[in-house]
C-alpha atoms as a PDB file:
ATOM      1  CA  MET A   1      13.445 -93.060  48.503  1.00  0.00           C
ATOM      2  CA  LYS A   2      15.265 -90.529  50.742  1.00  0.00           C
ATOM      3  CA  TYR A   3      18.743 -91.956  49.675  1.00  0.00           C
ATOM      4  CA  ALA A   4      17.642 -91.837  46.139  1.00  0.00           C
ATOM      5  CA  LEU A   5      16.763 -88.089  46.427  1.00  0.00           C
ATOM      6  CA  ILE A   6      19.954 -87.373  48.086  1.00  0.00           C
ATOM      7  CA  PHE A   7      21.927 -89.310  45.605  1.00  0.00           C
ATOM      8  CA  ALA A   8      20.134 -87.549  42.663  1.00  0.00           C
ATOM      9  CA  LEU A   9      20.816 -84.009  44.289  1.00  0.00           C
ATOM     10  CA  LEU A  10      24.500 -85.002  44.866  1.00  0.00           C
ATOM     11  CA  PHE A  11      24.859 -86.170  41.333  1.00  0.00           C
ATOM     12  CA  SER A  12      23.402 -82.936  39.803  1.00  0.00           C
ATOM     13  CA  VAL A  13      25.758 -80.835  41.950  1.00  0.00           C
ATOM     14  CA  ILE A  14      28.780 -82.875  41.008  1.00  0.00           C
ATOM     15  CA  SER A  15      27.837 -83.161  37.102  1.00  0.00           C
ATOM     16  CA  CYS A  16      27.120 -79.419  36.972  1.00  0.00           C
ATOM     17  CA  LYS A  17      30.502 -78.387  38.218  1.00  0.00           C
ATOM     18  CA  GLN A  18      32.337 -77.328  34.958  1.00  0.00           C
ATOM     19  CA  ASN A  19      35.959 -77.491  34.601  1.00  0.00           C
ATOM     20  CA  PRO A  20      37.041 -73.609  34.758  1.00  0.00           C
ATOM     21  CA  ALA A  21      39.308 -74.206  31.732  1.00  0.00           C
ATOM     22  CA  ASP A  22      36.447 -75.336  29.669  1.00  0.00           C
ATOM     23  CA  THR A  23      34.423 -72.050  30.068  1.00  0.00           C
ATOM     24  CA  VAL A  24      34.129 -69.423  27.389  1.00  0.00           C
ATOM     25  CA  GLU A  25      35.585 -66.839  29.601  1.00  0.00           C
ATOM     26  CA  HIS A  26      38.738 -68.942  30.188  1.00  0.00           C
ATOM     27  CA  LYS A  27      39.068 -69.633  26.386  1.00  0.00           C
ATOM     28  CA  GLU A  28      39.003 -65.908  25.819  1.00  0.00           C
ATOM     29  CA  LEU A  29      41.654 -65.453  28.476  1.00  0.00           C
ATOM     30  CA  VAL A  30      43.825 -67.959  26.593  1.00  0.00           C
ATOM     31  CA  ALA A  31      43.166 -66.173  23.410  1.00  0.00           C
ATOM     32  CA  MET A  32      44.031 -62.855  24.819  1.00  0.00           C
ATOM     33  CA  HIS A  33      47.214 -64.299  26.200  1.00  0.00           C
ATOM     34  CA  THR A  34      48.105 -65.483  22.609  1.00  0.00           C
ATOM     35  CA  THR A  35      47.365 -61.848  21.302  1.00  0.00           C
ATOM     36  CA  MET A  36      49.722 -60.373  24.047  1.00  0.00           C
ATOM     37  CA  GLU A  37      52.486 -62.815  23.100  1.00  0.00           C
ATOM     38  CA  THR A  38      52.144 -61.717  19.405  1.00  0.00           C
ATOM     39  CA  ALA A  39      52.269 -58.088  20.355  1.00  0.00           C
ATOM     40  CA  HIS A  40      55.297 -58.732  22.771  1.00  0.00           C
ATOM     41  CA  GLU A  41      57.183 -60.488  19.868  1.00  0.00           C
ATOM     42  CA  ALA A  42      56.399 -57.484  17.464  1.00  0.00           C
ATOM     43  CA  MET A  43      57.788 -55.048  20.177  1.00  0.00           C
ATOM     44  CA  THR A  44      60.901 -57.074  20.681  1.00  0.00           C
ATOM     45  CA  ILE A  45      61.636 -57.384  16.891  1.00  0.00           C
ATOM     46  CA  GLU A  46      61.142 -53.666  16.492  1.00  0.00           C
ATOM     47  CA  HIS A  47      63.432 -52.945  19.427  1.00  0.00           C
ATOM     48  CA  ASP A  48      66.061 -55.052  17.909  1.00  0.00           C
ATOM     49  CA  ALA A  49      65.619 -52.877  14.597  1.00  0.00           C
ATOM     50  CA  MET A  50      65.978 -49.718  16.709  1.00  0.00           C
ATOM     51  CA  LYS A  51      69.210 -51.060  18.376  1.00  0.00           C
ATOM     52  CA  GLY A  52      70.523 -51.828  15.044  1.00  0.00           C
ATOM     53  CA  ASN A  53      69.717 -48.394  13.735  1.00  0.00           C
ATOM     54  CA  HIS A  54      71.299 -46.865  16.750  1.00  0.00           C
ATOM     55  CA  GLU A  55      74.562 -48.751  16.063  1.00  0.00           C
ATOM     56  CA  LYS A  56      74.435 -47.737  12.357  1.00  0.00           C
ATOM     57  CA  MET A  57      73.810 -44.024  13.755  1.00  0.00           C
ATOM     58  CA  ILE A  58      76.768 -44.204  15.893  1.00  0.00           C
ATOM     59  CA  GLU A  59      79.002 -45.513  13.133  1.00  0.00           C
ATOM     60  CA  ALA A  60      77.768 -42.725  10.644  1.00  0.00           C
ATOM     61  CA  HIS A  61      78.638 -40.076  13.350  1.00  0.00           C
ATOM     62  CA  GLU A  62      82.218 -41.211  13.626  1.00  0.00           C
ATOM     63  CA  ILE A  63      83.115 -39.144  10.595  1.00  0.00           C
ATOM     64  CA  ILE A  64      81.533 -36.062  12.490  1.00  0.00           C
ATOM     65  CA  LYS A  65      83.515 -35.780  15.666  1.00  0.00           C
ATOM     66  CA  ASP A  66      82.168 -33.525  18.470  1.00  0.00           C
ATOM     67  CA  ASP A  67      79.281 -32.294  16.495  1.00  0.00           C
ATOM     68  CA  THR A  68      76.776 -31.305  19.359  1.00  0.00           C
ATOM     69  CA  LEU A  69      73.783 -31.648  17.149  1.00  0.00           C
ATOM     70  CA  HIS A  70      74.589 -35.334  16.342  1.00  0.00           C
ATOM     71  CA  LEU A  71      75.437 -36.125  19.867  1.00  0.00           C
ATOM     72  CA  ALA A  72      72.208 -34.619  20.938  1.00  0.00           C
ATOM     73  CA  VAL A  73      70.534 -36.844  18.474  1.00  0.00           C
ATOM     74  CA  GLU A  74      72.368 -39.936  19.572  1.00  0.00           C
ATOM     75  CA  LYS A  75      71.427 -39.202  23.333  1.00  0.00           C
ATOM     76  CA  GLN A  76      67.776 -38.779  22.405  1.00  0.00           C
ATOM     77  CA  HIS A  77      67.864 -42.044  20.562  1.00  0.00           C
ATOM     78  CA  SER A  78      69.804 -43.802  23.554  1.00  0.00           C
ATOM     79  CA  ASN A  79      67.140 -42.520  25.984  1.00  0.00           C
ATOM     80  CA  LEU A  80      64.288 -43.599  23.776  1.00  0.00           C
ATOM     81  CA  LEU A  81      66.062 -47.209  23.661  1.00  0.00           C
ATOM     82  CA  ALA A  82      66.206 -47.160  27.220  1.00  0.00           C
ATOM     83  CA  ASN A  83      62.489 -46.418  27.872  1.00  0.00           C
ATOM     84  CA  HIS A  84      61.442 -49.094  25.232  1.00  0.00           C
ATOM     85  CA  GLN A  85      63.562 -51.561  27.032  1.00  0.00           C
ATOM     86  CA  GLU A  86      61.810 -50.661  30.223  1.00  0.00           C
ATOM     87  CA  LEU A  87      58.467 -51.125  28.431  1.00  0.00           C
ATOM     88  CA  ILE A  88      59.487 -54.553  27.201  1.00  0.00           C
ATOM     89  CA  ASN A  89      60.599 -55.611  30.472  1.00  0.00           C
ATOM     90  CA  ALA A  90      57.166 -54.393  32.068  1.00  0.00           C
ATOM     91  CA  HIS A  91      55.348 -56.268  29.207  1.00  0.00           C
ATOM     92  CA  THR A  92      57.271 -59.428  29.798  1.00  0.00           C
ATOM     93  CA  ALA A  93      56.309 -59.196  33.498  1.00  0.00           C
ATOM     94  CA  LEU A  94      52.639 -58.677  32.565  1.00  0.00           C
ATOM     95  CA  LEU A  95      52.891 -61.849  30.376  1.00  0.00           C
ATOM     96  CA  GLU A  96      54.032 -63.764  33.354  1.00  0.00           C
ATOM     97  CA  LYS A  97      51.330 -62.486  35.522  1.00  0.00           C
ATOM     98  CA  HIS A  98      48.677 -63.182  32.896  1.00  0.00           C
ATOM     99  CA  SER A  99      50.147 -66.855  32.393  1.00  0.00           C
ATOM    100  CA  GLU A 100      49.732 -67.251  36.246  1.00  0.00           C
ATOM    101  CA  LEU A 101      46.129 -65.992  36.122  1.00  0.00           C
ATOM    102  CA  GLU A 102      45.516 -68.667  33.417  1.00  0.00           C
ATOM    103  CA  THR A 103      47.029 -71.392  35.569  1.00  0.00           C
ATOM    104  CA  LYS A 104      45.153 -70.369  38.660  1.00  0.00           C
ATOM    105  CA  HIS A 105      41.809 -70.132  37.156  1.00  0.00           C
ATOM    106  CA  ALA A 106      42.288 -73.420  35.303  1.00  0.00           C
ATOM    107  CA  ALA A 107      43.060 -74.980  38.547  1.00  0.00           C
ATOM    108  CA  GLY A 108      40.007 -73.748  40.294  1.00  0.00           C
ATOM    109  CA  GLU A 109      42.052 -71.461  42.600  1.00  0.00           C
ATOM    110  CA  MET A 110      39.982 -68.533  41.843  1.00  0.00           C
ATOM    111  CA  THR A 111      36.429 -67.631  40.856  1.00  0.00           C
ATOM    112  CA  LEU A 112      35.180 -66.712  37.425  1.00  0.00           C
ATOM    113  CA  ALA A 113      34.551 -63.119  38.779  1.00  0.00           C
ATOM    114  CA  GLU A 114      38.151 -62.810  40.227  1.00  0.00           C
ATOM    115  CA  MET A 115      39.586 -64.011  36.962  1.00  0.00           C
ATOM    116  CA  LYS A 116      37.515 -61.689  34.837  1.00  0.00           C
ATOM    117  CA  GLU A 117      38.419 -58.763  37.087  1.00  0.00           C
ATOM    118  CA  GLU A 118      42.133 -59.548  37.022  1.00  0.00           C
ATOM    119  CA  HIS A 119      41.946 -60.207  33.275  1.00  0.00           C
ATOM    120  CA  GLU A 120      40.219 -56.863  32.468  1.00  0.00           C
ATOM    121  CA  ALA A 121      42.788 -55.079  34.510  1.00  0.00           C
ATOM    122  CA  MET A 122      45.753 -56.770  32.786  1.00  0.00           C
ATOM    123  CA  LYS A 123      43.975 -56.324  29.450  1.00  0.00           C
ATOM    124  CA  SER A 124      43.677 -52.518  30.135  1.00  0.00           C
ATOM    125  CA  GLU A 125      47.462 -52.524  31.046  1.00  0.00           C
ATOM    126  CA  HIS A 126      48.464 -54.344  28.054  1.00  0.00           C
ATOM    127  CA  ASP A 127      46.543 -51.770  25.930  1.00  0.00           C
ATOM    128  CA  LYS A 128      48.264 -48.868  27.619  1.00  0.00           C
ATOM    129  CA  MET A 129      51.643 -50.572  26.809  1.00  0.00           C
ATOM    130  CA  GLU A 130      50.720 -50.993  23.180  1.00  0.00           C
ATOM    131  CA  GLN A 131      49.915 -47.380  23.051  1.00  0.00           C
ATOM    132  CA  GLU A 132      53.173 -46.544  24.594  1.00  0.00           C
ATOM    133  CA  HIS A 133      55.010 -48.638  22.157  1.00  0.00           C
ATOM    134  CA  GLN A 134      53.399 -46.945  19.270  1.00  0.00           C
ATOM    135  CA  LYS A 135      54.339 -43.671  20.824  1.00  0.00           C
ATOM    136  CA  LEU A 136      57.828 -44.590  21.158  1.00  0.00           C
ATOM    137  CA  LYS A 137      58.017 -46.206  17.793  1.00  0.00           C
ATOM    138  CA  LYS A 138      56.851 -42.807  16.247  1.00  0.00           C
ATOM    139  CA  GLU A 139      59.519 -41.068  18.260  1.00  0.00           C
ATOM    140  CA  HIS A 140      62.099 -43.325  17.021  1.00  0.00           C
ATOM    141  CA  ASP A 141      61.160 -42.832  13.452  1.00  0.00           C
ATOM    142  CA  ARG A 142      61.142 -39.113  13.932  1.00  0.00           C
ATOM    143  CA  ILE A 143      64.598 -39.190  15.553  1.00  0.00           C
ATOM    144  CA  ALA A 144      65.912 -41.505  12.569  1.00  0.00           C
ATOM    145  CA  LYS A 145      64.409 -39.194   9.832  1.00  0.00           C
ATOM    146  CA  GLU A 146      66.001 -36.154  11.687  1.00  0.00           C
ATOM    147  CA  ASP A 147      69.278 -37.764  11.874  1.00  0.00           C
ATOM    148  CA  LYS A 148      69.152 -38.899   8.077  1.00  0.00           C
ATOM    149  CA  LYS A 149      68.437 -35.293   7.220  1.00  0.00           C
ATOM    150  CA  MET A 150      71.338 -34.057   9.213  1.00  0.00           C
ATOM    151  CA  MET A 151      73.796 -36.590   7.756  1.00  0.00           C
ATOM    152  CA  ILE A 152      72.741 -35.466   4.271  1.00  0.00           C
ATOM    153  CA  GLU A 153      73.167 -31.900   5.104  1.00  0.00           C
ATOM    154  CA  HIS A 154      76.599 -32.659   6.534  1.00  0.00           C
ATOM    155  CA  THR A 155      77.635 -34.563   3.402  1.00  0.00           C
ATOM    156  CA  GLU A 156      76.345 -31.761   1.321  1.00  0.00           C
ATOM    157  CA  THR A 157      78.317 -29.015   3.465  1.00  0.00           C
ATOM    158  CA  ALA A 158      81.342 -31.302   3.358  1.00  0.00           C
ATOM    159  CA  THR A 159      81.378 -31.668  -0.393  1.00  0.00           C
ATOM    160  CA  GLU A 160      80.971 -27.832  -0.775  1.00  0.00           C
ATOM    161  CA  GLU A 161      84.032 -27.297   1.172  1.00  0.00           C
END
């Protein structure tokens, strides 16, 4: 009887231990990672478009040598691209860190509470990066619009002369 009770207790403890990867919280972690990867892909695509826009801007400015206003816009745009690249690099590092969190939790190397705490911190960091991306995107659009307006004005002025 004594051994049967010990066996039953041991069996219930072993059978109640759930694989961390099968928990709802872990599945939410994985889903968030997919969301982060999708956002990262969008950031990268938009960054490539910004770089393409910058190259076109520089080409268009070739006809306007030494115009300080256009050079200032180019510099603003270059700085924006550098800031956006830094954001993408930081987001890449966050994705790697988040992936490591998934792996550690699935392997049982951290508790559910530890995973949730780290995940929430990373989610918050991701949200801030998303906001920064939107801010940079708006700034890019403003600069591009300003440059286009200046190029139209330059063309009109050149035509009048």
